[in-house]
Amino acid sequence: MRGKKNFVFAKLVTNVSHVLLFIGLNGFKGANRHMGPLKSMKYGSLLKAIYKFSMVHQNYGK
């Protein structure tokens, strides 16, 4: 079961990387700079960084 979770997480990281590349936020450019490299983050750290990122930017444009 653990191998399956790691596979899903690896697929999630790959998908997030592709999405960031598609919208022009590849590397350390853009607003995802504070998250750090996605490949070196653990699952919990990644979720925490995405949550904090979404909380920081939710009030833009109001």
PDB file of N, CA and C in Angstrom:
ATOM      1  N   MET A   1       0.824  -1.194   0.000  1.00  0.00           N
ATOM      2  CA  MET A   1       0.000   0.000   0.000  1.00  0.00           C
ATOM      3  C   MET A   1       0.865   1.252   0.000  1.00  0.00           C
ATOM      4  N   ARG A   2       1.981   1.208   0.718  1.00  0.00           N
ATOM      5  CA  ARG A   2       2.847   2.384   0.795  1.00  0.00           C
ATOM      6  C   ARG A   2       3.415   2.743  -0.581  1.00  0.00           C
ATOM      7  N   GLY A   3       3.767   1.754  -1.374  1.00  0.00           N
ATOM      8  CA  GLY A   3       4.281   2.009  -2.713  1.00  0.00           C
ATOM      9  C   GLY A   3       3.260   2.718  -3.579  1.00  0.00           C
ATOM     10  N   LYS A   4       1.988   2.352  -3.404  1.00  0.00           N
ATOM     11  CA  LYS A   4       0.925   2.988  -4.183  1.00  0.00           C
ATOM     12  C   LYS A   4       0.774   4.459  -3.788  1.00  0.00           C
ATOM     13  N   LYS A   5       0.869   4.769  -2.482  1.00  0.00           N
ATOM     14  CA  LYS A   5       0.786   6.160  -2.035  1.00  0.00           C
ATOM     15  C   LYS A   5       1.942   6.974  -2.597  1.00  0.00           C
ATOM     16  N   ASN A   6       3.145   6.404  -2.594  1.00  0.00           N
ATOM     17  CA  ASN A   6       4.298   7.112  -3.142  1.00  0.00           C
ATOM     18  C   ASN A   6       4.126   7.364  -4.627  1.00  0.00           C
ATOM     19  N   PHE A   7       3.547   6.405  -5.348  1.00  0.00           N
ATOM     20  CA  PHE A   7       3.307   6.579  -6.775  1.00  0.00           C
ATOM     21  C   PHE A   7       2.314   7.708  -7.015  1.00  0.00           C
ATOM     22  N   VAL A   8       1.238   7.746  -6.226  1.00  0.00           N
ATOM     23  CA  VAL A   8       0.236   8.810  -6.370  1.00  0.00           C
ATOM     24  C   VAL A   8       0.867  10.158  -6.063  1.00  0.00           C
ATOM     25  N   PHE A   9       1.687  10.226  -5.018  1.00  0.00           N
ATOM     26  CA  PHE A   9       2.358  11.476  -4.668  1.00  0.00           C
ATOM     27  C   PHE A   9       3.312  11.906  -5.778  1.00  0.00           C
ATOM     28  N   ALA A  10       4.077  10.954  -6.328  1.00  0.00           N
ATOM     29  CA  ALA A  10       5.000  11.291  -7.418  1.00  0.00           C
ATOM     30  C   ALA A  10       4.228  11.799  -8.623  1.00  0.00           C
ATOM     31  N   LYS A  11       3.076  11.204  -8.895  1.00  0.00           N
ATOM     32  CA  LYS A  11       2.255  11.651 -10.014  1.00  0.00           C
ATOM     33  C   LYS A  11       1.704  13.047  -9.727  1.00  0.00           C
ATOM     34  N   LEU A  12       1.312  13.327  -8.473  1.00  0.00           N
ATOM     35  CA  LEU A  12       0.828  14.650  -8.092  1.00  0.00           C
ATOM     36  C   LEU A  12       1.920  15.694  -8.286  1.00  0.00           C
ATOM     37  N   VAL A  13       3.130  15.395  -7.824  1.00  0.00           N
ATOM     38  CA  VAL A  13       4.243  16.336  -7.974  1.00  0.00           C
ATOM     39  C   VAL A  13       4.516  16.588  -9.442  1.00  0.00           C
ATOM     40  N   THR A  14       4.479  15.540 -10.257  1.00  0.00           N
ATOM     41  CA  THR A  14       4.696  15.702 -11.688  1.00  0.00           C
ATOM     42  C   THR A  14       3.610  16.574 -12.290  1.00  0.00           C
ATOM     43  N   ASN A  15       2.357  16.339 -11.920  1.00  0.00           N
ATOM     44  CA  ASN A  15       1.261  17.143 -12.457  1.00  0.00           C
ATOM     45  C   ASN A  15       1.374  18.597 -12.028  1.00  0.00           C
ATOM     46  N   VAL A  16       1.724  18.845 -10.771  1.00  0.00           N
ATOM     47  CA  VAL A  16       1.887  20.219 -10.288  1.00  0.00           C
ATOM     48  C   VAL A  16       3.016  20.894 -11.051  1.00  0.00           C
ATOM     49  N   SER A  17       4.114  20.177 -11.263  1.00  0.00           N
ATOM     50  CA  SER A  17       5.238  20.745 -12.006  1.00  0.00           C
ATOM     51  C   SER A  17       4.829  21.102 -13.424  1.00  0.00           C
ATOM     52  N   HIS A  18       4.046  20.230 -14.067  1.00  0.00           N
ATOM     53  CA  HIS A  18       3.586  20.506 -15.430  1.00  0.00           C
ATOM     54  C   HIS A  18       2.650  21.703 -15.464  1.00  0.00           C
ATOM     55  N   VAL A  19       1.775  21.810 -14.487  1.00  0.00           N
ATOM     56  CA  VAL A  19       0.846  22.946 -14.440  1.00  0.00           C
ATOM     57  C   VAL A  19       1.618  24.246 -14.249  1.00  0.00           C
ATOM     58  N   LEU A  20       2.581  24.249 -13.323  1.00  0.00           N
ATOM     59  CA  LEU A  20       3.384  25.450 -13.099  1.00  0.00           C
ATOM     60  C   LEU A  20       4.179  25.823 -14.345  1.00  0.00           C
ATOM     61  N   LEU A  21       4.705  24.822 -15.040  1.00  0.00           N
ATOM     62  CA  LEU A  21       5.430  25.081 -16.279  1.00  0.00           C
ATOM     63  C   LEU A  21       4.498  25.656 -17.334  1.00  0.00           C
ATOM     64  N   PHE A  22       3.283  25.127 -17.426  1.00  0.00           N
ATOM     65  CA  PHE A  22       2.314  25.574 -18.426  1.00  0.00           C
ATOM     66  C   PHE A  22       1.912  27.031 -18.215  1.00  0.00           C
ATOM     67  N   ILE A  23       1.731  27.435 -16.959  1.00  0.00           N
ATOM     68  CA  ILE A  23       1.292  28.809 -16.712  1.00  0.00           C
ATOM     69  C   ILE A  23       2.464  29.776 -16.573  1.00  0.00           C
ATOM     70  N   GLY A  24       3.684  29.279 -16.782  1.00  0.00           N
ATOM     71  CA  GLY A  24       4.839  30.160 -16.816  1.00  0.00           C
ATOM     72  C   GLY A  24       5.528  30.367 -15.492  1.00  0.00           C
ATOM     73  N   LEU A  25       5.319  29.482 -14.550  1.00  0.00           N
ATOM     74  CA  LEU A  25       5.945  29.625 -13.241  1.00  0.00           C
ATOM     75  C   LEU A  25       7.001  28.551 -13.017  1.00  0.00           C
ATOM     76  N   ASN A  26       7.760  28.216 -14.063  1.00  0.00           N
ATOM     77  CA  ASN A  26       8.774  27.175 -13.919  1.00  0.00           C
ATOM     78  C   ASN A  26       9.978  27.705 -13.154  1.00  0.00           C
ATOM     79  N   GLY A  27      10.716  26.811 -12.523  1.00  0.00           N
ATOM     80  CA  GLY A  27      11.882  27.207 -11.753  1.00  0.00           C
ATOM     81  C   GLY A  27      11.501  27.979 -10.513  1.00  0.00           C
ATOM     82  N   PHE A  28      12.257  29.022 -10.219  1.00  0.00           N
ATOM     83  CA  PHE A  28      12.003  29.823  -9.034  1.00  0.00           C
ATOM     84  C   PHE A  28      11.403  31.173  -9.386  1.00  0.00           C
ATOM     85  N   LYS A  29      10.788  31.275 -10.535  1.00  0.00           N
ATOM     86  CA  LYS A  29      10.149  32.522 -10.939  1.00  0.00           C
ATOM     87  C   LYS A  29       8.717  32.538 -10.432  1.00  0.00           C
ATOM     88  N   GLY A  30       8.178  33.713 -10.273  1.00  0.00           N
ATOM     89  CA  GLY A  30       6.766  33.833  -9.945  1.00  0.00           C
ATOM     90  C   GLY A  30       6.457  33.693  -8.471  1.00  0.00           C
ATOM     91  N   ALA A  31       5.177  33.503  -8.184  1.00  0.00           N
ATOM     92  CA  ALA A  31       4.683  33.514  -6.811  1.00  0.00           C
ATOM     93  C   ALA A  31       4.969  32.223  -6.058  1.00  0.00           C
ATOM     94  N   ASN A  32       5.404  31.171  -6.734  1.00  0.00           N
ATOM     95  CA  ASN A  32       5.673  29.910  -6.039  1.00  0.00           C
ATOM     96  C   ASN A  32       7.090  29.861  -5.481  1.00  0.00           C
ATOM     97  N   ARG A  33       7.795  30.975  -5.468  1.00  0.00           N
ATOM     98  CA  ARG A  33       9.188  31.006  -5.031  1.00  0.00           C
ATOM     99  C   ARG A  33       9.342  30.530  -3.590  1.00  0.00           C
ATOM    100  N   HIS A  34       8.430  30.899  -2.706  1.00  0.00           N
ATOM    101  CA  HIS A  34       8.568  30.552  -1.292  1.00  0.00           C
ATOM    102  C   HIS A  34       8.302  29.084  -1.011  1.00  0.00           C
ATOM    103  N   MET A  35       7.754  28.350  -1.964  1.00  0.00           N
ATOM    104  CA  MET A  35       7.453  26.937  -1.745  1.00  0.00           C
ATOM    105  C   MET A  35       8.704  26.079  -1.841  1.00  0.00           C
ATOM    106  N   GLY A  36       9.716  26.506  -2.581  1.00  0.00           N
ATOM    107  CA  GLY A  36      10.927  25.727  -2.771  1.00  0.00           C
ATOM    108  C   GLY A  36      10.727  24.679  -3.849  1.00  0.00           C
ATOM    109  N   PRO A  37      11.763  23.899  -4.123  1.00  0.00           N
ATOM    110  CA  PRO A  37      11.648  22.870  -5.154  1.00  0.00           C
ATOM    111  C   PRO A  37      10.669  21.771  -4.737  1.00  0.00           C
ATOM    112  N   LEU A  38       9.751  21.426  -5.606  1.00  0.00           N
ATOM    113  CA  LEU A  38       8.706  20.464  -5.261  1.00  0.00           C
ATOM    114  C   LEU A  38       9.236  19.049  -5.091  1.00  0.00           C
ATOM    115  N   LYS A  39      10.297  18.683  -5.803  1.00  0.00           N
ATOM    116  CA  LYS A  39      10.785  17.314  -5.741  1.00  0.00           C
ATOM    117  C   LYS A  39      11.413  16.981  -4.397  1.00  0.00           C
ATOM    118  N   SER A  40      11.885  17.985  -3.662  1.00  0.00           N
ATOM    119  CA  SER A  40      12.551  17.709  -2.393  1.00  0.00           C
ATOM    120  C   SER A  40      11.611  17.821  -1.195  1.00  0.00           C
ATOM    121  N   MET A  41      10.340  18.114  -1.424  1.00  0.00           N
ATOM    122  CA  MET A  41       9.403  18.296  -0.319  1.00  0.00           C
ATOM    123  C   MET A  41       8.665  16.999  -0.009  1.00  0.00           C
ATOM    124  N   LYS A  42       8.370  16.791   1.253  1.00  0.00           N
ATOM    125  CA  LYS A  42       7.551  15.654   1.650  1.00  0.00           C
ATOM    126  C   LYS A  42       6.086  16.001   1.410  1.00  0.00           C
ATOM    127  N   TYR A  43       5.235  14.990   1.413  1.00  0.00           N
ATOM    128  CA  TYR A  43       3.817  15.180   1.094  1.00  0.00           C
ATOM    129  C   TYR A  43       3.157  16.199   2.019  1.00  0.00           C
ATOM    130  N   GLY A  44       3.364  16.069   3.324  1.00  0.00           N
ATOM    131  CA  GLY A  44       2.757  16.997   4.283  1.00  0.00           C
ATOM    132  C   GLY A  44       3.258  18.420   4.102  1.00  0.00           C
ATOM    133  N   SER A  45       4.558  18.555   3.839  1.00  0.00           N
ATOM    134  CA  SER A  45       5.135  19.882   3.619  1.00  0.00           C
ATOM    135  C   SER A  45       4.573  20.519   2.360  1.00  0.00           C
ATOM    136  N   LEU A  46       4.374  19.707   1.326  1.00  0.00           N
ATOM    137  CA  LEU A  46       3.816  20.217   0.077  1.00  0.00           C
ATOM    138  C   LEU A  46       2.390  20.707   0.285  1.00  0.00           C
ATOM    139  N   LEU A  47       1.574  19.919   0.988  1.00  0.00           N
ATOM    140  CA  LEU A  47       0.199  20.341   1.249  1.00  0.00           C
ATOM    141  C   LEU A  47       0.160  21.609   2.096  1.00  0.00           C
ATOM    142  N   LYS A  48       1.031  21.694   3.092  1.00  0.00           N
ATOM    143  CA  LYS A  48       1.086  22.881   3.946  1.00  0.00           C
ATOM    144  C   LYS A  48       1.490  24.109   3.140  1.00  0.00           C
ATOM    145  N   ALA A  49       2.471  23.975   2.245  1.00  0.00           N
ATOM    146  CA  ALA A  49       2.918  25.104   1.426  1.00  0.00           C
ATOM    147  C   ALA A  49       1.822  25.553   0.472  1.00  0.00           C
ATOM    148  N   ILE A  50       1.107  24.606  -0.133  1.00  0.00           N
ATOM    149  CA  ILE A  50       0.013  24.962  -1.047  1.00  0.00           C
ATOM    150  C   ILE A  50      -1.105  25.645  -0.272  1.00  0.00           C
ATOM    151  N   TYR A  51      -1.409  25.152   0.929  1.00  0.00           N
ATOM    152  CA  TYR A  51      -2.450  25.768   1.752  1.00  0.00           C
ATOM    153  C   TYR A  51      -2.065  27.197   2.128  1.00  0.00           C
ATOM    154  N   LYS A  52      -0.815  27.384   2.583  1.00  0.00           N
ATOM    155  CA  LYS A  52      -0.360  28.724   2.955  1.00  0.00           C
ATOM    156  C   LYS A  52      -0.352  29.652   1.744  1.00  0.00           C
ATOM    157  N   PHE A  53       0.048  29.131   0.587  1.00  0.00           N
ATOM    158  CA  PHE A  53       0.062  29.930  -0.639  1.00  0.00           C
ATOM    159  C   PHE A  53      -1.350  30.373  -0.996  1.00  0.00           C
ATOM    160  N   SER A  54      -2.321  29.472  -0.862  1.00  0.00           N
ATOM    161  CA  SER A  54      -3.700  29.829  -1.215  1.00  0.00           C
ATOM    162  C   SER A  54      -4.280  30.834  -0.225  1.00  0.00           C
ATOM    163  N   MET A  55      -3.874  30.778   1.036  1.00  0.00           N
ATOM    164  CA  MET A  55      -4.371  31.726   2.026  1.00  0.00           C
ATOM    165  C   MET A  55      -3.781  33.123   1.810  1.00  0.00           C
ATOM    166  N   VAL A  56      -2.533  33.197   1.369  1.00  0.00           N
ATOM    167  CA  VAL A  56      -1.864  34.482   1.160  1.00  0.00           C
ATOM    168  C   VAL A  56      -2.503  35.241   0.011  1.00  0.00           C
ATOM    169  N   HIS A  57      -2.886  34.552  -1.045  1.00  0.00           N
ATOM    170  CA  HIS A  57      -3.333  35.207  -2.267  1.00  0.00           C
ATOM    171  C   HIS A  57      -4.850  35.247  -2.444  1.00  0.00           C
ATOM    172  N   GLN A  58      -5.625  34.898  -1.435  1.00  0.00           N
ATOM    173  CA  GLN A  58      -7.069  34.852  -1.627  1.00  0.00           C
ATOM    174  C   GLN A  58      -7.710  36.234  -1.622  1.00  0.00           C
ATOM    175  N   ASN A  59      -7.037  37.249  -1.097  1.00  0.00           N
ATOM    176  CA  ASN A  59      -7.629  38.576  -1.011  1.00  0.00           C
ATOM    177  C   ASN A  59      -7.195  39.510  -2.139  1.00  0.00           C
ATOM    178  N   TYR A  60      -6.504  39.011  -3.117  1.00  0.00           N
ATOM    179  CA  TYR A  60      -6.076  39.854  -4.237  1.00  0.00           C
ATOM    180  C   TYR A  60      -7.279  40.306  -5.043  1.00  0.00           C
ATOM    181  N   GLY A  61      -7.280  41.547  -5.463  1.00  0.00           N
ATOM    182  CA  GLY A  61      -8.318  42.059  -6.352  1.00  0.00           C
ATOM    183  C   GLY A  61      -9.573  42.521  -5.656  1.00  0.00           C
ATOM    184  N   LYS A  62      -9.591  42.561  -4.339  1.00  0.00           N
ATOM    185  CA  LYS A  62     -10.801  42.981  -3.625  1.00  0.00           C
ATOM    186  C   LYS A  62     -10.663  44.387  -3.129  1.00  0.00           C
TER     187      LYS A  62
END
